[in-house]
Amino acid sequence: MRSVHDEECSVACTAEIIGSKWTAIIVHDLSEGPRRFSELERSCPGISPRTLSERLRVLEHDGIVEKHAAARRAEYELTEKGTALLPVIEEMRRFGHSWLVADEAHTHAHGGKTVAPAA
């Protein structure tokens, strides 16, 4: 009998990408626009620079994130494929607010400004 969740299962393939630790948070942060490495590092408390670098490298390899290097700065931005993941991230946010996070007024700080969750 063929495994239901093999390399041709779209759910398993998507879970392979988004199920890695930090990936959903990184994609969520990049949903608001390009970010420098240091900005992503600040928005993911607890992530080591090595882990962040590795996650970004994998996301770049998978076509989710694009790296734009200039002079002494590099910025990371979602690709079209990465942007297509945003509805999945939004549903994760909704699930979290409905079932896991009691405070509906919970906000996120991005780039020095506070952003309330979408309705």
PDB file of N, CA and C in Angstrom:
ATOM      1  N   MET A   1       0.844  -1.180   0.000  1.00  0.00           N
ATOM      2  CA  MET A   1       0.000   0.000   0.000  1.00  0.00           C
ATOM      3  C   MET A   1       0.893   1.248   0.000  1.00  0.00           C
ATOM      4  N   ARG A   2       0.556   2.193  -0.833  1.00  0.00           N
ATOM      5  CA  ARG A   2       1.319   3.433  -0.959  1.00  0.00           C
ATOM      6  C   ARG A   2       1.042   4.361   0.229  1.00  0.00           C
ATOM      7  N   SER A   3       2.101   4.978   0.744  1.00  0.00           N
ATOM      8  CA  SER A   3       1.957   5.921   1.846  1.00  0.00           C
ATOM      9  C   SER A   3       1.149   7.128   1.377  1.00  0.00           C
ATOM     10  N   VAL A   4       0.229   7.570   2.195  1.00  0.00           N
ATOM     11  CA  VAL A   4      -0.614   8.716   1.851  1.00  0.00           C
ATOM     12  C   VAL A   4       0.212  10.001   1.865  1.00  0.00           C
ATOM     13  N   HIS A   5       1.163  10.089   2.756  1.00  0.00           N
ATOM     14  CA  HIS A   5       1.935  11.317   2.923  1.00  0.00           C
ATOM     15  C   HIS A   5       3.356  11.148   2.389  1.00  0.00           C
ATOM     16  N   ASP A   6       3.460  10.926   1.092  1.00  0.00           N
ATOM     17  CA  ASP A   6       4.775  10.797   0.472  1.00  0.00           C
ATOM     18  C   ASP A   6       5.188  12.122  -0.161  1.00  0.00           C
ATOM     19  N   GLU A   7       6.227  12.082  -0.979  1.00  0.00           N
ATOM     20  CA  GLU A   7       6.752  13.311  -1.576  1.00  0.00           C
ATOM     21  C   GLU A   7       5.806  13.940  -2.598  1.00  0.00           C
ATOM     22  N   GLU A   8       4.712  13.250  -2.917  1.00  0.00           N
ATOM     23  CA  GLU A   8       3.723  13.812  -3.834  1.00  0.00           C
ATOM     24  C   GLU A   8       2.495  14.337  -3.102  1.00  0.00           C
ATOM     25  N   CYS A   9       2.494  14.273  -1.790  1.00  0.00           N
ATOM     26  CA  CYS A   9       1.384  14.791  -0.988  1.00  0.00           C
ATOM     27  C   CYS A   9       1.606  16.286  -0.769  1.00  0.00           C
ATOM     28  N   SER A  10       0.689  17.103  -1.259  1.00  0.00           N
ATOM     29  CA  SER A  10       0.860  18.553  -1.157  1.00  0.00           C
ATOM     30  C   SER A  10       0.882  19.036   0.296  1.00  0.00           C
ATOM     31  N   VAL A  11       0.111  18.409   1.157  1.00  0.00           N
ATOM     32  CA  VAL A  11       0.100  18.803   2.571  1.00  0.00           C
ATOM     33  C   VAL A  11       1.443  18.471   3.217  1.00  0.00           C
ATOM     34  N   ALA A  12       1.957  17.287   2.943  1.00  0.00           N
ATOM     35  CA  ALA A  12       3.253  16.886   3.513  1.00  0.00           C
ATOM     36  C   ALA A  12       4.372  17.783   2.996  1.00  0.00           C
ATOM     37  N   CYS A  13       4.329  18.131   1.710  1.00  0.00           N
ATOM     38  CA  CYS A  13       5.366  19.005   1.138  1.00  0.00           C
ATOM     39  C   CYS A  13       5.319  20.403   1.749  1.00  0.00           C
ATOM     40  N   THR A  14       4.115  20.925   1.958  1.00  0.00           N
ATOM     41  CA  THR A  14       3.969  22.245   2.574  1.00  0.00           C
ATOM     42  C   THR A  14       4.395  22.197   4.038  1.00  0.00           C
ATOM     43  N   ALA A  15       4.009  21.136   4.730  1.00  0.00           N
ATOM     44  CA  ALA A  15       4.388  20.982   6.134  1.00  0.00           C
ATOM     45  C   ALA A  15       5.899  20.877   6.286  1.00  0.00           C
ATOM     46  N   GLU A  16       6.549  20.274   5.302  1.00  0.00           N
ATOM     47  CA  GLU A  16       8.015  20.158   5.321  1.00  0.00           C
ATOM     48  C   GLU A  16       8.655  21.546   5.369  1.00  0.00           C
ATOM     49  N   ILE A  17       8.084  22.488   4.619  1.00  0.00           N
ATOM     50  CA  ILE A  17       8.622  23.850   4.585  1.00  0.00           C
ATOM     51  C   ILE A  17       8.211  24.622   5.832  1.00  0.00           C
ATOM     52  N   ILE A  18       6.925  24.709   6.070  1.00  0.00           N
ATOM     53  CA  ILE A  18       6.420  25.599   7.127  1.00  0.00           C
ATOM     54  C   ILE A  18       6.530  24.990   8.517  1.00  0.00           C
ATOM     55  N   GLY A  19       6.737  23.675   8.585  1.00  0.00           N
ATOM     56  CA  GLY A  19       6.808  23.016   9.883  1.00  0.00           C
ATOM     57  C   GLY A  19       8.141  23.156  10.592  1.00  0.00           C
ATOM     58  N   SER A  20       9.146  23.636   9.899  1.00  0.00           N
ATOM     59  CA  SER A  20      10.451  23.827  10.538  1.00  0.00           C
ATOM     60  C   SER A  20      10.379  24.981  11.527  1.00  0.00           C
ATOM     61  N   LYS A  21      11.027  24.785  12.653  1.00  0.00           N
ATOM     62  CA  LYS A  21      11.007  25.817  13.696  1.00  0.00           C
ATOM     63  C   LYS A  21      11.486  27.152  13.136  1.00  0.00           C
ATOM     64  N   TRP A  22      10.792  28.205  13.479  1.00  0.00           N
ATOM     65  CA  TRP A  22      11.069  29.589  13.108  1.00  0.00           C
ATOM     66  C   TRP A  22      10.562  29.984  11.725  1.00  0.00           C
ATOM     67  N   THR A  23      10.279  29.042  10.843  1.00  0.00           N
ATOM     68  CA  THR A  23       9.894  29.396   9.481  1.00  0.00           C
ATOM     69  C   THR A  23       8.632  30.251   9.442  1.00  0.00           C
ATOM     70  N   ALA A  24       7.591  29.841  10.127  1.00  0.00           N
ATOM     71  CA  ALA A  24       6.334  30.603  10.104  1.00  0.00           C
ATOM     72  C   ALA A  24       6.547  32.012  10.657  1.00  0.00           C
ATOM     73  N   ILE A  25       7.364  32.142  11.700  1.00  0.00           N
ATOM     74  CA  ILE A  25       7.640  33.457  12.294  1.00  0.00           C
ATOM     75  C   ILE A  25       8.406  34.327  11.305  1.00  0.00           C
ATOM     76  N   ILE A  26       9.381  33.773  10.640  1.00  0.00           N
ATOM     77  CA  ILE A  26      10.171  34.531   9.665  1.00  0.00           C
ATOM     78  C   ILE A  26       9.289  34.976   8.504  1.00  0.00           C
ATOM     79  N   VAL A  27       8.478  34.065   7.974  1.00  0.00           N
ATOM     80  CA  VAL A  27       7.574  34.423   6.869  1.00  0.00           C
ATOM     81  C   VAL A  27       6.595  35.499   7.330  1.00  0.00           C
ATOM     82  N   HIS A  28       6.060  35.344   8.538  1.00  0.00           N
ATOM     83  CA  HIS A  28       5.142  36.348   9.095  1.00  0.00           C
ATOM     84  C   HIS A  28       5.821  37.716   9.168  1.00  0.00           C
ATOM     85  N   ASP A  29       7.038  37.761   9.663  1.00  0.00           N
ATOM     86  CA  ASP A  29       7.760  39.032   9.770  1.00  0.00           C
ATOM     87  C   ASP A  29       8.022  39.643   8.395  1.00  0.00           C
ATOM     88  N   LEU A  30       8.365  38.818   7.434  1.00  0.00           N
ATOM     89  CA  LEU A  30       8.648  39.320   6.088  1.00  0.00           C
ATOM     90  C   LEU A  30       7.379  39.724   5.335  1.00  0.00           C
ATOM     91  N   SER A  31       6.212  39.371   5.868  1.00  0.00           N
ATOM     92  CA  SER A  31       4.949  39.745   5.220  1.00  0.00           C
ATOM     93  C   SER A  31       4.755  41.259   5.205  1.00  0.00           C
ATOM     94  N   GLU A  32       5.449  41.953   6.089  1.00  0.00           N
ATOM     95  CA  GLU A  32       5.321  43.410   6.171  1.00  0.00           C
ATOM     96  C   GLU A  32       6.367  44.134   5.343  1.00  0.00           C
ATOM     97  N   GLY A  33       7.166  43.390   4.614  1.00  0.00           N
ATOM     98  CA  GLY A  33       8.154  44.000   3.734  1.00  0.00           C
ATOM     99  C   GLY A  33       9.547  43.482   4.003  1.00  0.00           C
ATOM    100  N   PRO A  34      10.499  43.924   3.200  1.00  0.00           N
ATOM    101  CA  PRO A  34      11.883  43.470   3.344  1.00  0.00           C
ATOM    102  C   PRO A  34      12.445  43.781   4.736  1.00  0.00           C
ATOM    103  N   ARG A  35      13.290  42.887   5.231  1.00  0.00           N
ATOM    104  CA  ARG A  35      13.918  43.051   6.542  1.00  0.00           C
ATOM    105  C   ARG A  35      15.393  42.716   6.433  1.00  0.00           C
ATOM    106  N   ARG A  36      16.190  43.456   7.191  1.00  0.00           N
ATOM    107  CA  ARG A  36      17.610  43.124   7.325  1.00  0.00           C
ATOM    108  C   ARG A  36      17.738  41.985   8.336  1.00  0.00           C
ATOM    109  N   PHE A  37      18.874  41.312   8.279  1.00  0.00           N
ATOM    110  CA  PHE A  37      19.145  40.192   9.178  1.00  0.00           C
ATOM    111  C   PHE A  37      18.953  40.617  10.631  1.00  0.00           C
ATOM    112  N   SER A  38      19.499  41.761  10.999  1.00  0.00           N
ATOM    113  CA  SER A  38      19.413  42.223  12.398  1.00  0.00           C
ATOM    114  C   SER A  38      17.963  42.485  12.815  1.00  0.00           C
ATOM    115  N   GLU A  39      17.138  42.949  11.897  1.00  0.00           N
ATOM    116  CA  GLU A  39      15.729  43.180  12.213  1.00  0.00           C
ATOM    117  C   GLU A  39      15.009  41.852  12.454  1.00  0.00           C
ATOM    118  N   LEU A  40      15.310  40.861  11.630  1.00  0.00           N
ATOM    119  CA  LEU A  40      14.714  39.540  11.830  1.00  0.00           C
ATOM    120  C   LEU A  40      15.184  38.923  13.139  1.00  0.00           C
ATOM    121  N   GLU A  41      16.445  39.118  13.445  1.00  0.00           N
ATOM    122  CA  GLU A  41      17.011  38.592  14.685  1.00  0.00           C
ATOM    123  C   GLU A  41      16.297  39.197  15.903  1.00  0.00           C
ATOM    124  N   ARG A  42      16.053  40.497  15.870  1.00  0.00           N
ATOM    125  CA  ARG A  42      15.351  41.169  16.980  1.00  0.00           C
ATOM    126  C   ARG A  42      13.897  40.724  17.093  1.00  0.00           C
ATOM    127  N   SER A  43      13.269  40.410  15.961  1.00  0.00           N
ATOM    128  CA  SER A  43      11.853  40.041  16.001  1.00  0.00           C
ATOM    129  C   SER A  43      11.636  38.574  16.377  1.00  0.00           C
ATOM    130  N   CYS A  44      12.699  37.813  16.475  1.00  0.00           N
ATOM    131  CA  CYS A  44      12.623  36.393  16.844  1.00  0.00           C
ATOM    132  C   CYS A  44      13.446  36.146  18.099  1.00  0.00           C
ATOM    133  N   PRO A  45      13.007  36.640  19.251  1.00  0.00           N
ATOM    134  CA  PRO A  45      13.793  36.445  20.472  1.00  0.00           C
ATOM    135  C   PRO A  45      14.038  34.960  20.725  1.00  0.00           C
ATOM    136  N   GLY A  46      15.275  34.634  21.004  1.00  0.00           N
ATOM    137  CA  GLY A  46      15.629  33.245  21.293  1.00  0.00           C
ATOM    138  C   GLY A  46      16.280  32.526  20.127  1.00  0.00           C
ATOM    139  N   ILE A  47      16.207  33.093  18.930  1.00  0.00           N
ATOM    140  CA  ILE A  47      16.846  32.450  17.792  1.00  0.00           C
ATOM    141  C   ILE A  47      18.315  32.853  17.759  1.00  0.00           C
ATOM    142  N   SER A  48      19.177  31.889  17.527  1.00  0.00           N
ATOM    143  CA  SER A  48      20.600  32.215  17.437  1.00  0.00           C
ATOM    144  C   SER A  48      20.893  32.732  16.030  1.00  0.00           C
ATOM    145  N   PRO A  49      21.922  33.568  15.878  1.00  0.00           N
ATOM    146  CA  PRO A  49      22.286  34.051  14.544  1.00  0.00           C
ATOM    147  C   PRO A  49      22.554  32.892  13.577  1.00  0.00           C
ATOM    148  N   ARG A  50      23.172  31.837  14.074  1.00  0.00           N
ATOM    149  CA  ARG A  50      23.466  30.675  13.224  1.00  0.00           C
ATOM    150  C   ARG A  50      22.184  30.014  12.728  1.00  0.00           C
ATOM    151  N   THR A  51      21.208  29.848  13.619  1.00  0.00           N
ATOM    152  CA  THR A  51      19.942  29.234  13.240  1.00  0.00           C
ATOM    153  C   THR A  51      19.183  30.115  12.256  1.00  0.00           C
ATOM    154  N   LEU A  52      19.141  31.413  12.513  1.00  0.00           N
ATOM    155  CA  LEU A  52      18.465  32.332  11.608  1.00  0.00           C
ATOM    156  C   LEU A  52      19.110  32.288  10.225  1.00  0.00           C
ATOM    157  N   SER A  53      20.418  32.305  10.198  1.00  0.00           N
ATOM    158  CA  SER A  53      21.144  32.238   8.935  1.00  0.00           C
ATOM    159  C   SER A  53      20.813  30.953   8.181  1.00  0.00           C
ATOM    160  N   GLU A  54      20.779  29.840   8.883  1.00  0.00           N
ATOM    161  CA  GLU A  54      20.461  28.555   8.266  1.00  0.00           C
ATOM    162  C   GLU A  54      19.020  28.533   7.752  1.00  0.00           C
ATOM    163  N   ARG A  55      18.078  29.015   8.548  1.00  0.00           N
ATOM    164  CA  ARG A  55      16.669  29.037   8.121  1.00  0.00           C
ATOM    165  C   ARG A  55      16.513  29.902   6.882  1.00  0.00           C
ATOM    166  N   LEU A  56      17.154  31.074   6.864  1.00  0.00           N
ATOM    167  CA  LEU A  56      17.059  31.955   5.697  1.00  0.00           C
ATOM    168  C   LEU A  56      17.674  31.299   4.467  1.00  0.00           C
ATOM    169  N   ARG A  57      18.776  30.597   4.658  1.00  0.00           N
ATOM    170  CA  ARG A  57      19.441  29.897   3.551  1.00  0.00           C
ATOM    171  C   ARG A  57      18.513  28.822   2.968  1.00  0.00           C
ATOM    172  N   VAL A  58      17.850  28.061   3.831  1.00  0.00           N
ATOM    173  CA  VAL A  58      16.922  27.014   3.380  1.00  0.00           C
ATOM    174  C   VAL A  58      15.716  27.642   2.676  1.00  0.00           C
ATOM    175  N   LEU A  59      15.181  28.716   3.254  1.00  0.00           N
ATOM    176  CA  LEU A  59      14.037  29.385   2.638  1.00  0.00           C
ATOM    177  C   LEU A  59      14.404  29.981   1.276  1.00  0.00           C
ATOM    178  N   GLU A  60      15.629  30.450   1.179  1.00  0.00           N
ATOM    179  CA  GLU A  60      16.127  30.960  -0.103  1.00  0.00           C
ATOM    180  C   GLU A  60      16.230  29.803  -1.114  1.00  0.00           C
ATOM    181  N   HIS A  61      16.780  28.704  -0.679  1.00  0.00           N
ATOM    182  CA  HIS A  61      16.917  27.520  -1.536  1.00  0.00           C
ATOM    183  C   HIS A  61      15.553  27.018  -2.003  1.00  0.00           C
ATOM    184  N   ASP A  62      14.538  27.081  -1.123  1.00  0.00           N
ATOM    185  CA  ASP A  62      13.189  26.610  -1.437  1.00  0.00           C
ATOM    186  C   ASP A  62      12.385  27.616  -2.262  1.00  0.00           C
ATOM    187  N   GLY A  63      12.964  28.799  -2.511  1.00  0.00           N
ATOM    188  CA  GLY A  63      12.275  29.807  -3.316  1.00  0.00           C
ATOM    189  C   GLY A  63      11.233  30.599  -2.560  1.00  0.00           C
ATOM    190  N   ILE A  64      11.309  30.598  -1.234  1.00  0.00           N
ATOM    191  CA  ILE A  64      10.350  31.315  -0.394  1.00  0.00           C
ATOM    192  C   ILE A  64      10.834  32.738  -0.124  1.00  0.00           C
ATOM    193  N   VAL A  65      12.139  32.888   0.023  1.00  0.00           N
ATOM    194  CA  VAL A  65      12.771  34.162   0.375  1.00  0.00           C
ATOM    195  C   VAL A  65      13.838  34.485  -0.660  1.00  0.00           C
ATOM    196  N   GLU A  66      13.992  35.761  -0.897  1.00  0.00           N
ATOM    197  CA  GLU A  66      15.024  36.259  -1.802  1.00  0.00           C
ATOM    198  C   GLU A  66      15.940  37.197  -1.019  1.00  0.00           C
ATOM    199  N   LYS A  67      17.219  37.054  -1.239  1.00  0.00           N
ATOM    200  CA  LYS A  67      18.198  37.909  -0.556  1.00  0.00           C
ATOM    201  C   LYS A  67      18.681  38.961  -1.545  1.00  0.00           C
ATOM    202  N   HIS A  68      18.609  40.223  -1.120  1.00  0.00           N
ATOM    203  CA  HIS A  68      19.111  41.337  -1.925  1.00  0.00           C
ATOM    204  C   HIS A  68      20.310  41.917  -1.195  1.00  0.00           C
ATOM    205  N   ALA A  69      21.486  41.782  -1.785  1.00  0.00           N
ATOM    206  CA  ALA A  69      22.705  42.280  -1.146  1.00  0.00           C
ATOM    207  C   ALA A  69      23.110  43.594  -1.801  1.00  0.00           C
ATOM    208  N   ALA A  70      23.454  44.551  -0.937  1.00  0.00           N
ATOM    209  CA  ALA A  70      23.940  45.851  -1.408  1.00  0.00           C
ATOM    210  C   ALA A  70      25.018  46.323  -0.447  1.00  0.00           C
ATOM    211  N   ALA A  71      26.056  46.927  -0.998  1.00  0.00           N
ATOM    212  CA  ALA A  71      27.174  47.459  -0.204  1.00  0.00           C
ATOM    213  C   ALA A  71      27.434  46.595   1.027  1.00  0.00           C
ATOM    214  N   ARG A  72      27.068  47.104   2.195  1.00  0.00           N
ATOM    215  CA  ARG A  72      27.326  46.374   3.449  1.00  0.00           C
ATOM    216  C   ARG A  72      26.039  45.857   4.077  1.00  0.00           C
ATOM    217  N   ARG A  73      24.959  45.873   3.315  1.00  0.00           N
ATOM    218  CA  ARG A  73      23.672  45.453   3.859  1.00  0.00           C
ATOM    219  C   ARG A  73      23.035  44.397   2.971  1.00  0.00           C
ATOM    220  N   ALA A  74      22.338  43.520   3.592  1.00  0.00           N
ATOM    221  CA  ALA A  74      21.540  42.541   2.846  1.00  0.00           C
ATOM    222  C   ALA A  74      20.131  42.589   3.418  1.00  0.00           C
ATOM    223  N   GLU A  75      19.170  42.508   2.534  1.00  0.00           N
ATOM    224  CA  GLU A  75      17.776  42.456   2.957  1.00  0.00           C
ATOM    225  C   GLU A  75      17.156  41.173   2.430  1.00  0.00           C
ATOM    226  N   TYR A  76      16.195  40.683   3.182  1.00  0.00           N
ATOM    227  CA  TYR A  76      15.467  39.483   2.807  1.00  0.00           C
ATOM    228  C   TYR A  76      14.024  39.877   2.530  1.00  0.00           C
ATOM    229  N   GLU A  77      13.468  39.245   1.501  1.00  0.00           N
ATOM    230  CA  GLU A  77      12.118  39.584   1.068  1.00  0.00           C
ATOM    231  C   GLU A  77      11.423  38.315   0.586  1.00  0.00           C
ATOM    232  N   LEU A  78      10.102  38.266   0.777  1.00  0.00           N
ATOM    233  CA  LEU A  78       9.345  37.124   0.287  1.00  0.00           C
ATOM    234  C   LEU A  78       9.282  37.149  -1.230  1.00  0.00           C
ATOM    235  N   THR A  79       9.369  35.980  -1.819  1.00  0.00           N
ATOM    236  CA  THR A  79       9.166  35.837  -3.251  1.00  0.00           C
ATOM    237  C   THR A  79       7.664  35.670  -3.498  1.00  0.00           C
ATOM    238  N   GLU A  80       7.287  35.494  -4.743  1.00  0.00           N
ATOM    239  CA  GLU A  80       5.877  35.228  -5.058  1.00  0.00           C
ATOM    240  C   GLU A  80       5.420  33.941  -4.360  1.00  0.00           C
ATOM    241  N   LYS A  81       6.283  32.943  -4.362  1.00  0.00           N
ATOM    242  CA  LYS A  81       5.989  31.675  -3.687  1.00  0.00           C
ATOM    243  C   LYS A  81       5.835  31.893  -2.184  1.00  0.00           C
ATOM    244  N   GLY A  82       6.708  32.722  -1.603  1.00  0.00           N
ATOM    245  CA  GLY A  82       6.622  33.027  -0.173  1.00  0.00           C
ATOM    246  C   GLY A  82       5.355  33.785   0.163  1.00  0.00           C
ATOM    247  N   THR A  83       4.988  34.723  -0.682  1.00  0.00           N
ATOM    248  CA  THR A  83       3.761  35.497  -0.483  1.00  0.00           C
ATOM    249  C   THR A  83       2.540  34.581  -0.549  1.00  0.00           C
ATOM    250  N   ALA A  84       2.606  33.547  -1.369  1.00  0.00           N
ATOM    251  CA  ALA A  84       1.500  32.595  -1.473  1.00  0.00           C
ATOM    252  C   ALA A  84       1.287  31.823  -0.167  1.00  0.00           C
ATOM    253  N   LEU A  85       2.292  31.805   0.716  1.00  0.00           N
ATOM    254  CA  LEU A  85       2.149  31.151   2.029  1.00  0.00           C
ATOM    255  C   LEU A  85       1.399  32.011   3.045  1.00  0.00           C
ATOM    256  N   LEU A  86       1.231  33.289   2.768  1.00  0.00           N
ATOM    257  CA  LEU A  86       0.637  34.194   3.748  1.00  0.00           C
ATOM    258  C   LEU A  86      -0.780  33.804   4.188  1.00  0.00           C
ATOM    259  N   PRO A  87      -1.636  33.289   3.310  1.00  0.00           N
ATOM    260  CA  PRO A  87      -2.942  32.840   3.812  1.00  0.00           C
ATOM    261  C   PRO A  87      -2.816  31.710   4.840  1.00  0.00           C
ATOM    262  N   VAL A  88      -1.821  30.860   4.696  1.00  0.00           N
ATOM    263  CA  VAL A  88      -1.576  29.795   5.674  1.00  0.00           C
ATOM    264  C   VAL A  88      -1.171  30.416   7.012  1.00  0.00           C
ATOM    265  N   ILE A  89      -0.282  31.409   6.953  1.00  0.00           N
ATOM    266  CA  ILE A  89       0.166  32.105   8.165  1.00  0.00           C
ATOM    267  C   ILE A  89      -1.013  32.826   8.828  1.00  0.00           C
ATOM    268  N   GLU A  90      -1.869  33.441   8.015  1.00  0.00           N
ATOM    269  CA  GLU A  90      -3.054  34.138   8.548  1.00  0.00           C
ATOM    270  C   GLU A  90      -3.981  33.160   9.258  1.00  0.00           C
ATOM    271  N   GLU A  91      -4.170  31.988   8.690  1.00  0.00           N
ATOM    272  CA  GLU A  91      -5.010  30.983   9.354  1.00  0.00           C
ATOM    273  C   GLU A  91      -4.372  30.490  10.649  1.00  0.00           C
ATOM    274  N   MET A  92      -3.054  30.416  10.677  1.00  0.00           N
ATOM    275  CA  MET A  92      -2.357  30.055  11.923  1.00  0.00           C
ATOM    276  C   MET A  92      -2.607  31.129  12.979  1.00  0.00           C
ATOM    277  N   ARG A  93      -2.580  32.403  12.555  1.00  0.00           N
ATOM    278  CA  ARG A  93      -2.845  33.514  13.472  1.00  0.00           C
ATOM    279  C   ARG A  93      -4.264  33.414  14.023  1.00  0.00           C
ATOM    280  N   ARG A  94      -5.212  33.165  13.127  1.00  0.00           N
ATOM    281  CA  ARG A  94      -6.616  33.038  13.558  1.00  0.00           C
ATOM    282  C   ARG A  94      -6.794  31.881  14.532  1.00  0.00           C
ATOM    283  N   PHE A  95      -6.203  30.749  14.211  1.00  0.00           N
ATOM    284  CA  PHE A  95      -6.286  29.589  15.091  1.00  0.00           C
ATOM    285  C   PHE A  95      -5.699  29.938  16.462  1.00  0.00           C
ATOM    286  N   GLY A  96      -4.523  30.563  16.445  1.00  0.00           N
ATOM    287  CA  GLY A  96      -3.876  30.933  17.703  1.00  0.00           C
ATOM    288  C   GLY A  96      -4.731  31.850  18.556  1.00  0.00           C
ATOM    289  N   HIS A  97      -5.364  32.840  17.919  1.00  0.00           N
ATOM    290  CA  HIS A  97      -6.219  33.759  18.680  1.00  0.00           C
ATOM    291  C   HIS A  97      -7.502  33.074  19.144  1.00  0.00           C
ATOM    292  N   SER A  98      -8.009  32.144  18.362  1.00  0.00           N
ATOM    293  CA  SER A  98      -9.241  31.448  18.748  1.00  0.00           C
ATOM    294  C   SER A  98      -9.021  30.393  19.826  1.00  0.00           C
ATOM    295  N   TRP A  99      -7.883  29.712  19.786  1.00  0.00           N
ATOM    296  CA  TRP A  99      -7.689  28.554  20.635  1.00  0.00           C
ATOM    297  C   TRP A  99      -6.518  28.634  21.616  1.00  0.00           C
ATOM    298  N   LEU A 100      -5.537  29.495  21.368  1.00  0.00           N
ATOM    299  CA  LEU A 100      -4.319  29.450  22.174  1.00  0.00           C
ATOM    300  C   LEU A 100      -3.995  30.732  22.926  1.00  0.00           C
ATOM    301  N   VAL A 101      -4.239  31.881  22.325  1.00  0.00           N
ATOM    302  CA  VAL A 101      -3.886  33.164  22.929  1.00  0.00           C
ATOM    303  C   VAL A 101      -5.169  33.859  23.363  1.00  0.00           C
ATOM    304  N   ALA A 102      -5.330  34.015  24.654  1.00  0.00           N
ATOM    305  CA  ALA A 102      -6.567  34.591  25.176  1.00  0.00           C
ATOM    306  C   ALA A 102      -6.702  36.079  24.883  1.00  0.00           C
ATOM    307  N   ASP A 103      -5.603  36.789  24.766  1.00  0.00           N
ATOM    308  CA  ASP A 103      -5.629  38.238  24.617  1.00  0.00           C
ATOM    309  C   ASP A 103      -5.787  38.634  23.153  1.00  0.00           C
ATOM    310  N   GLU A 104      -7.000  39.014  22.747  1.00  0.00           N
ATOM    311  CA  GLU A 104      -7.260  39.438  21.364  1.00  0.00           C
ATOM    312  C   GLU A 104      -6.533  40.732  21.019  1.00  0.00           C
ATOM    313  N   ALA A 105      -6.152  41.505  22.011  1.00  0.00           N
ATOM    314  CA  ALA A 105      -5.470  42.776  21.770  1.00  0.00           C
ATOM    315  C   ALA A 105      -3.963  42.605  21.635  1.00  0.00           C
ATOM    316  N   HIS A 106      -3.493  41.365  21.638  1.00  0.00           N
ATOM    317  CA  HIS A 106      -2.068  41.079  21.505  1.00  0.00           C
ATOM    318  C   HIS A 106      -1.515  41.754  20.257  1.00  0.00           C
ATOM    319  N   THR A 107      -0.376  42.408  20.404  1.00  0.00           N
ATOM    320  CA  THR A 107       0.233  43.093  19.265  1.00  0.00           C
ATOM    321  C   THR A 107       1.651  42.610  19.066  1.00  0.00           C
ATOM    322  N   HIS A 108       2.203  42.948  17.925  1.00  0.00           N
ATOM    323  CA  HIS A 108       3.577  42.588  17.584  1.00  0.00           C
ATOM    324  C   HIS A 108       4.347  43.859  17.320  1.00  0.00           C
ATOM    325  N   ALA A 109       5.583  43.910  17.746  1.00  0.00           N
ATOM    326  CA  ALA A 109       6.441  45.053  17.452  1.00  0.00           C
ATOM    327  C   ALA A 109       7.290  44.715  16.245  1.00  0.00           C
ATOM    328  N   HIS A 110       7.210  45.556  15.220  1.00  0.00           N
ATOM    329  CA  HIS A 110       7.978  45.357  13.992  1.00  0.00           C
ATOM    330  C   HIS A 110       8.687  46.651  13.661  1.00  0.00           C
ATOM    331  N   GLY A 111       9.985  46.578  13.531  1.00  0.00           N
ATOM    332  CA  GLY A 111      10.755  47.735  13.108  1.00  0.00           C
ATOM    333  C   GLY A 111      10.534  48.963  13.973  1.00  0.00           C
ATOM    334  N   GLY A 112      10.344  48.749  15.274  1.00  0.00           N
ATOM    335  CA  GLY A 112      10.186  49.871  16.175  1.00  0.00           C
ATOM    336  C   GLY A 112       8.752  50.362  16.295  1.00  0.00           C
ATOM    337  N   LYS A 113       7.830  49.838  15.497  1.00  0.00           N
ATOM    338  CA  LYS A 113       6.436  50.253  15.615  1.00  0.00           C
ATOM    339  C   LYS A 113       5.603  49.063  16.027  1.00  0.00           C
ATOM    340  N   THR A 114       4.498  49.317  16.716  1.00  0.00           N
ATOM    341  CA  THR A 114       3.625  48.253  17.163  1.00  0.00           C
ATOM    342  C   THR A 114       2.522  48.078  16.144  1.00  0.00           C
ATOM    343  N   VAL A 115       2.292  46.833  15.753  1.00  0.00           N
ATOM    344  CA  VAL A 115       1.286  46.518  14.748  1.00  0.00           C
ATOM    345  C   VAL A 115       0.273  45.596  15.371  1.00  0.00           C
ATOM    346  N   ALA A 116      -0.994  46.017  15.362  1.00  0.00           N
ATOM    347  CA  ALA A 116      -2.059  45.179  15.903  1.00  0.00           C
ATOM    348  C   ALA A 116      -2.390  44.095  14.893  1.00  0.00           C
ATOM    349  N   PRO A 117      -2.846  42.943  15.360  1.00  0.00           N
ATOM    350  CA  PRO A 117      -3.214  41.870  14.437  1.00  0.00           C
ATOM    351  C   PRO A 117      -4.384  42.277  13.558  1.00  0.00           C
ATOM    352  N   ALA A 118      -4.421  41.735  12.353  1.00  0.00           N
ATOM    353  CA  ALA A 118      -5.521  42.025  11.431  1.00  0.00           C
ATOM    354  C   ALA A 118      -6.815  41.432  11.954  1.00  0.00           C
ATOM    355  N   ALA A 119      -7.910  42.053  11.620  1.00  0.00           N
ATOM    356  CA  ALA A 119      -9.228  41.574  12.090  1.00  0.00           C
ATOM    357  C   ALA A 119      -9.685  40.388  11.293  1.00  0.00           C
TER     358      ALA A 119
END
